C-alpha atoms as a PDB file:
ATOM      1  CA  UNK A   1       0.000   0.000   0.000  1.00  0.00           C
ATOM      2  CA  UNK A   2       1.178   3.509  -0.700  1.00  0.00           C
ATOM      3  CA  UNK A   3       1.003   6.381   1.784  1.00  0.00           C
ATOM      4  CA  UNK A   4      -0.826   9.660   1.271  1.00  0.00           C
ATOM      5  CA  UNK A   5      -3.134   8.409  -1.484  1.00  0.00           C
ATOM      6  CA  UNK A   6      -6.533  10.051  -1.362  1.00  0.00           C
ATOM      7  CA  UNK A   7      -9.583   8.376  -2.924  1.00  0.00           C
ATOM      8  CA  UNK A   8     -12.266  10.905  -3.886  1.00  0.00           C
ATOM      9  CA  UNK A   9     -15.020  11.715  -6.344  1.00  0.00           C
ATOM     10  CA  UNK A  10     -13.854  13.217  -9.619  1.00  0.00           C
ATOM     11  CA  UNK A  11     -13.983  16.938 -10.281  1.00  0.00           C
ATOM     12  CA  UNK A  12     -14.020  18.688 -13.628  1.00  0.00           C
ATOM     13  CA  UNK A  13     -10.490  19.977 -13.033  1.00  0.00           C
ATOM     14  CA  UNK A  14      -9.261  16.342 -13.170  1.00  0.00           C
ATOM     15  CA  UNK A  15     -10.282  15.785 -16.801  1.00  0.00           C
ATOM     16  CA  UNK A  16      -6.920  16.567 -18.433  1.00  0.00           C
ATOM     17  CA  UNK A  17      -5.059  14.174 -16.125  1.00  0.00           C
ATOM     18  CA  UNK A  18      -7.684  11.433 -16.537  1.00  0.00           C
ATOM     19  CA  UNK A  19      -7.608  11.838 -20.317  1.00  0.00           C
ATOM     20  CA  UNK A  20      -3.822  11.508 -20.342  1.00  0.00           C
ATOM     21  CA  UNK A  21      -3.960   8.321 -18.258  1.00  0.00           C
ATOM     22  CA  UNK A  22      -6.779   6.909 -20.405  1.00  0.00           C
ATOM     23  CA  UNK A  23      -5.008   7.566 -23.696  1.00  0.00           C
ATOM     24  CA  UNK A  24      -1.840   5.931 -22.361  1.00  0.00           C
ATOM     25  CA  UNK A  25      -3.704   2.798 -21.234  1.00  0.00           C
ATOM     26  CA  UNK A  26      -3.488   0.296 -24.083  1.00  0.00           C
ATOM     27  CA  UNK A  27      -6.165  -1.944 -22.554  1.00  0.00           C
ATOM     28  CA  UNK A  28      -8.839   0.714 -23.200  1.00  0.00           C
ATOM     29  CA  UNK A  29      -8.503   0.386 -26.968  1.00  0.00           C
ATOM     30  CA  UNK A  30     -11.526  -1.484 -28.271  1.00  0.00           C
ATOM     31  CA  UNK A  31     -10.533  -1.027 -31.904  1.00  0.00           C
ATOM     32  CA  UNK A  32      -7.976   0.800 -34.028  1.00  0.00           C
ATOM     33  CA  UNK A  33     -10.068   3.968 -33.992  1.00  0.00           C
ATOM     34  CA  UNK A  34     -11.404   3.962 -30.427  1.00  0.00           C
ATOM     35  CA  UNK A  35      -8.786   4.336 -27.707  1.00  0.00           C
ATOM     36  CA  UNK A  36     -10.532   6.163 -24.862  1.00  0.00           C
ATOM     37  CA  UNK A  37     -13.175   8.769 -24.142  1.00  0.00           C
ATOM     38  CA  UNK A  38     -12.665  12.248 -25.565  1.00  0.00           C
ATOM     39  CA  UNK A  39     -12.263  15.138 -23.130  1.00  0.00           C
ATOM     40  CA  UNK A  40     -15.716  16.285 -24.233  1.00  0.00           C
ATOM     41  CA  UNK A  41     -17.212  12.893 -23.324  1.00  0.00           C
ATOM     42  CA  UNK A  42     -15.443  12.879 -19.961  1.00  0.00           C
ATOM     43  CA  UNK A  43     -16.762  16.364 -19.202  1.00  0.00           C
ATOM     44  CA  UNK A  44     -20.284  15.270 -20.128  1.00  0.00           C
ATOM     45  CA  UNK A  45     -20.024  12.143 -17.954  1.00  0.00           C
ATOM     46  CA  UNK A  46     -18.810  14.154 -14.972  1.00  0.00           C
ATOM     47  CA  UNK A  47     -21.437  16.869 -15.346  1.00  0.00           C
ATOM     48  CA  UNK A  48     -24.389  14.624 -16.207  1.00  0.00           C
ATOM     49  CA  UNK A  49     -24.511  12.611 -12.999  1.00  0.00           C
ATOM     50  CA  UNK A  50     -26.523  10.192 -15.132  1.00  0.00           C
ATOM     51  CA  UNK A  51     -25.632   7.108 -13.088  1.00  0.00           C
ATOM     52  CA  UNK A  52     -22.003   7.369 -14.217  1.00  0.00           C
ATOM     53  CA  UNK A  53     -19.679   7.606 -11.262  1.00  0.00           C
ATOM     54  CA  UNK A  54     -15.963   8.302 -11.382  1.00  0.00           C
ATOM     55  CA  UNK A  55     -13.612   8.039  -8.446  1.00  0.00           C
ATOM     56  CA  UNK A  56      -9.977   9.040  -8.580  1.00  0.00           C
ATOM     57  CA  UNK A  57      -6.847   8.140  -6.649  1.00  0.00           C
ATOM     58  CA  UNK A  58      -4.751  11.212  -5.975  1.00  0.00           C
ATOM     59  CA  UNK A  59      -1.320  11.761  -4.480  1.00  0.00           C
ATOM     60  CA  UNK A  60       0.020  15.266  -3.887  1.00  0.00           C
ATOM     61  CA  UNK A  61      -2.760  16.788  -6.040  1.00  0.00           C
ATOM     62  CA  UNK A  62      -1.830  14.507  -8.952  1.00  0.00           C
ATOM     63  CA  UNK A  63      -4.367  12.047 -10.354  1.00  0.00           C
ATOM     64  CA  UNK A  64      -2.613   8.674 -10.327  1.00  0.00           C
ATOM     65  CA  UNK A  65      -5.595   6.516 -11.204  1.00  0.00           C
ATOM     66  CA  UNK A  66      -9.343   6.308 -11.604  1.00  0.00           C
ATOM     67  CA  UNK A  67     -12.336   4.023 -11.868  1.00  0.00           C
ATOM     68  CA  UNK A  68     -15.409   4.812 -13.966  1.00  0.00           C
ATOM     69  CA  UNK A  69     -18.562   2.807 -13.456  1.00  0.00           C
ATOM     70  CA  UNK A  70     -22.259   3.015 -14.130  1.00  0.00           C
ATOM     71  CA  UNK A  71     -24.908   2.072 -11.619  1.00  0.00           C
ATOM     72  CA  UNK A  72     -28.346   1.271 -13.030  1.00  0.00           C
ATOM     73  CA  UNK A  73     -31.454  -0.021 -11.288  1.00  0.00           C
ATOM     74  CA  UNK A  74     -30.366  -3.671 -11.308  1.00  0.00           C
ATOM     75  CA  UNK A  75     -26.640  -3.800 -12.010  1.00  0.00           C
ATOM     76  CA  UNK A  76     -23.374  -1.901 -12.085  1.00  0.00           C
ATOM     77  CA  UNK A  77     -20.805  -1.976 -14.874  1.00  0.00           C
ATOM     78  CA  UNK A  78     -17.172  -1.098 -14.269  1.00  0.00           C
ATOM     79  CA  UNK A  79     -16.252   0.609 -17.522  1.00  0.00           C
ATOM     80  CA  UNK A  80     -12.646   1.672 -16.969  1.00  0.00           C
ATOM     81  CA  UNK A  81     -10.014   1.441 -14.287  1.00  0.00           C
ATOM     82  CA  UNK A  82      -6.428   2.593 -14.640  1.00  0.00           C
ATOM     83  CA  UNK A  83      -3.371   3.471 -12.576  1.00  0.00           C
ATOM     84  CA  UNK A  84      -0.288   5.198 -13.943  1.00  0.00           C
ATOM     85  CA  UNK A  85       2.625   2.737 -14.276  1.00  0.00           C
ATOM     86  CA  UNK A  86       4.768   4.011 -11.393  1.00  0.00           C
ATOM     87  CA  UNK A  87       1.918   3.416  -8.907  1.00  0.00           C
ATOM     88  CA  UNK A  88       0.803  -0.009 -10.094  1.00  0.00           C
ATOM     89  CA  UNK A  89       1.015  -3.086  -7.842  1.00  0.00           C
ATOM     90  CA  UNK A  90       0.683  -0.994  -4.691  1.00  0.00           C
ATOM     91  CA  UNK A  91      -2.942  -1.746  -3.793  1.00  0.00           C
ATOM     92  CA  UNK A  92      -4.467   1.402  -5.315  1.00  0.00           C
ATOM     93  CA  UNK A  93      -6.733  -0.462  -7.740  1.00  0.00           C
ATOM     94  CA  UNK A  94      -8.026  -2.510  -4.823  1.00  0.00           C
ATOM     95  CA  UNK A  95      -8.823   0.712  -2.917  1.00  0.00           C
ATOM     96  CA  UNK A  96     -10.714   2.064  -5.937  1.00  0.00           C
ATOM     97  CA  UNK A  97     -12.690  -1.145  -6.394  1.00  0.00           C
ATOM     98  CA  UNK A  98     -13.598  -1.316  -2.701  1.00  0.00           C
ATOM     99  CA  UNK A  99     -14.842   2.296  -2.812  1.00  0.00           C
ATOM    100  CA  UNK A 100     -16.768   1.493  -6.003  1.00  0.00           C
ATOM    101  CA  UNK A 101     -18.421  -1.512  -4.330  1.00  0.00           C
ATOM    102  CA  UNK A 102     -19.301   0.584  -1.262  1.00  0.00           C
ATOM    103  CA  UNK A 103     -21.100   3.070  -3.511  1.00  0.00           C
ATOM    104  CA  UNK A 104     -22.821   0.311  -5.500  1.00  0.00           C
ATOM    105  CA  UNK A 105     -24.132  -1.244  -2.274  1.00  0.00           C
ATOM    106  CA  UNK A 106     -25.825   2.087  -1.452  1.00  0.00           C
ATOM    107  CA  UNK A 107     -27.869   1.610  -4.642  1.00  0.00           C
ATOM    108  CA  UNK A 108     -28.884  -1.839  -3.311  1.00  0.00           C
ATOM    109  CA  UNK A 109     -27.352  -3.428  -6.419  1.00  0.00           C
ATOM    110  CA  UNK A 110     -26.183  -7.031  -6.125  1.00  0.00           C
ATOM    111  CA  UNK A 111     -24.766  -7.656  -9.622  1.00  0.00           C
ATOM    112  CA  UNK A 112     -21.577  -6.001 -10.847  1.00  0.00           C
ATOM    113  CA  UNK A 113     -19.570  -6.780 -13.963  1.00  0.00           C
ATOM    114  CA  UNK A 114     -16.741  -5.569 -16.151  1.00  0.00           C
ATOM    115  CA  UNK A 115     -15.003  -6.645 -19.340  1.00  0.00           C
ATOM    116  CA  UNK A 116     -11.412  -7.656 -20.018  1.00  0.00           C
ATOM    117  CA  UNK A 117      -9.724  -8.119 -23.365  1.00  0.00           C
ATOM    118  CA  UNK A 118      -9.276 -11.804 -24.164  1.00  0.00           C
ATOM    119  CA  UNK A 119      -5.568 -11.337 -24.826  1.00  0.00           C
ATOM    120  CA  UNK A 120      -4.827  -9.633 -21.464  1.00  0.00           C
ATOM    121  CA  UNK A 121      -4.071 -12.332 -18.910  1.00  0.00           C
ATOM    122  CA  UNK A 122      -2.916 -10.137 -15.989  1.00  0.00           C
ATOM    123  CA  UNK A 123      -6.192  -8.216 -15.744  1.00  0.00           C
ATOM    124  CA  UNK A 124      -8.155 -11.466 -15.908  1.00  0.00           C
ATOM    125  CA  UNK A 125      -6.123 -12.894 -13.026  1.00  0.00           C
ATOM    126  CA  UNK A 126      -6.601  -9.689 -11.035  1.00  0.00           C
ATOM    127  CA  UNK A 127     -10.380  -9.615 -11.449  1.00  0.00           C
ATOM    128  CA  UNK A 128     -10.598 -13.272 -10.455  1.00  0.00           C
ATOM    129  CA  UNK A 129      -8.582 -12.436  -7.338  1.00  0.00           C
ATOM    130  CA  UNK A 130     -11.157  -9.711  -6.582  1.00  0.00           C
ATOM    131  CA  UNK A 131     -13.914 -12.346  -6.652  1.00  0.00           C
ATOM    132  CA  UNK A 132     -15.154 -11.950 -10.228  1.00  0.00           C
ATOM    133  CA  UNK A 133     -15.597 -14.962 -12.476  1.00  0.00           C
ATOM    134  CA  UNK A 134     -15.606 -15.354 -16.223  1.00  0.00           C
ATOM    135  CA  UNK A 135     -18.879 -15.182 -18.073  1.00  0.00           C
ATOM    136  CA  UNK A 136     -19.570 -15.577 -21.771  1.00  0.00           C
ATOM    137  CA  UNK A 137     -17.101 -14.235 -24.308  1.00  0.00           C
ATOM    138  CA  UNK A 138     -18.058 -11.537 -26.797  1.00  0.00           C
ATOM    139  CA  UNK A 139     -16.554  -9.772 -29.781  1.00  0.00           C
ATOM    140  CA  UNK A 140     -16.632  -5.975 -29.961  1.00  0.00           C
ATOM    141  CA  UNK A 141     -18.751  -4.885 -32.912  1.00  0.00           C
ATOM    142  CA  UNK A 142     -18.707  -1.313 -34.136  1.00  0.00           C
ATOM    143  CA  UNK A 143     -20.020   0.986 -36.815  1.00  0.00           C
ATOM    144  CA  UNK A 144     -19.167   4.651 -37.298  1.00  0.00           C
ATOM    145  CA  UNK A 145     -21.997   6.812 -38.577  1.00  0.00           C
ATOM    146  CA  UNK A 146     -19.948   9.662 -39.983  1.00  0.00           C
END
């Protein structure tokens, strides 16, 4: 565990740092064209409060990681979670997930899920360690309308 890490709700001022972390996180790429949310999308997510919740890990006023999830009536979906490389393997992701689960429990939700790329073994092992189990496998399908 690392000292002086603060876990808190995201603020609009965090967007640039979150965007930088997201764009640098290879696992967020779902296709050649889609790597991560745009700053505009992040701003909309943060402002909308439309069941999207983002929590950040911060050290010395620097965003070092985040988790983005969506809580609906019946389930919660962990969309993205990332920690900058120098702070990985120090328990920060576990802190973020525990905070996420605490919030989800307030919604009285009992089903939570996420997705992991098939070719990424470390994240799969991590999620299993956190008590998740594999479900069915899917292929990302996309279509751009522009």
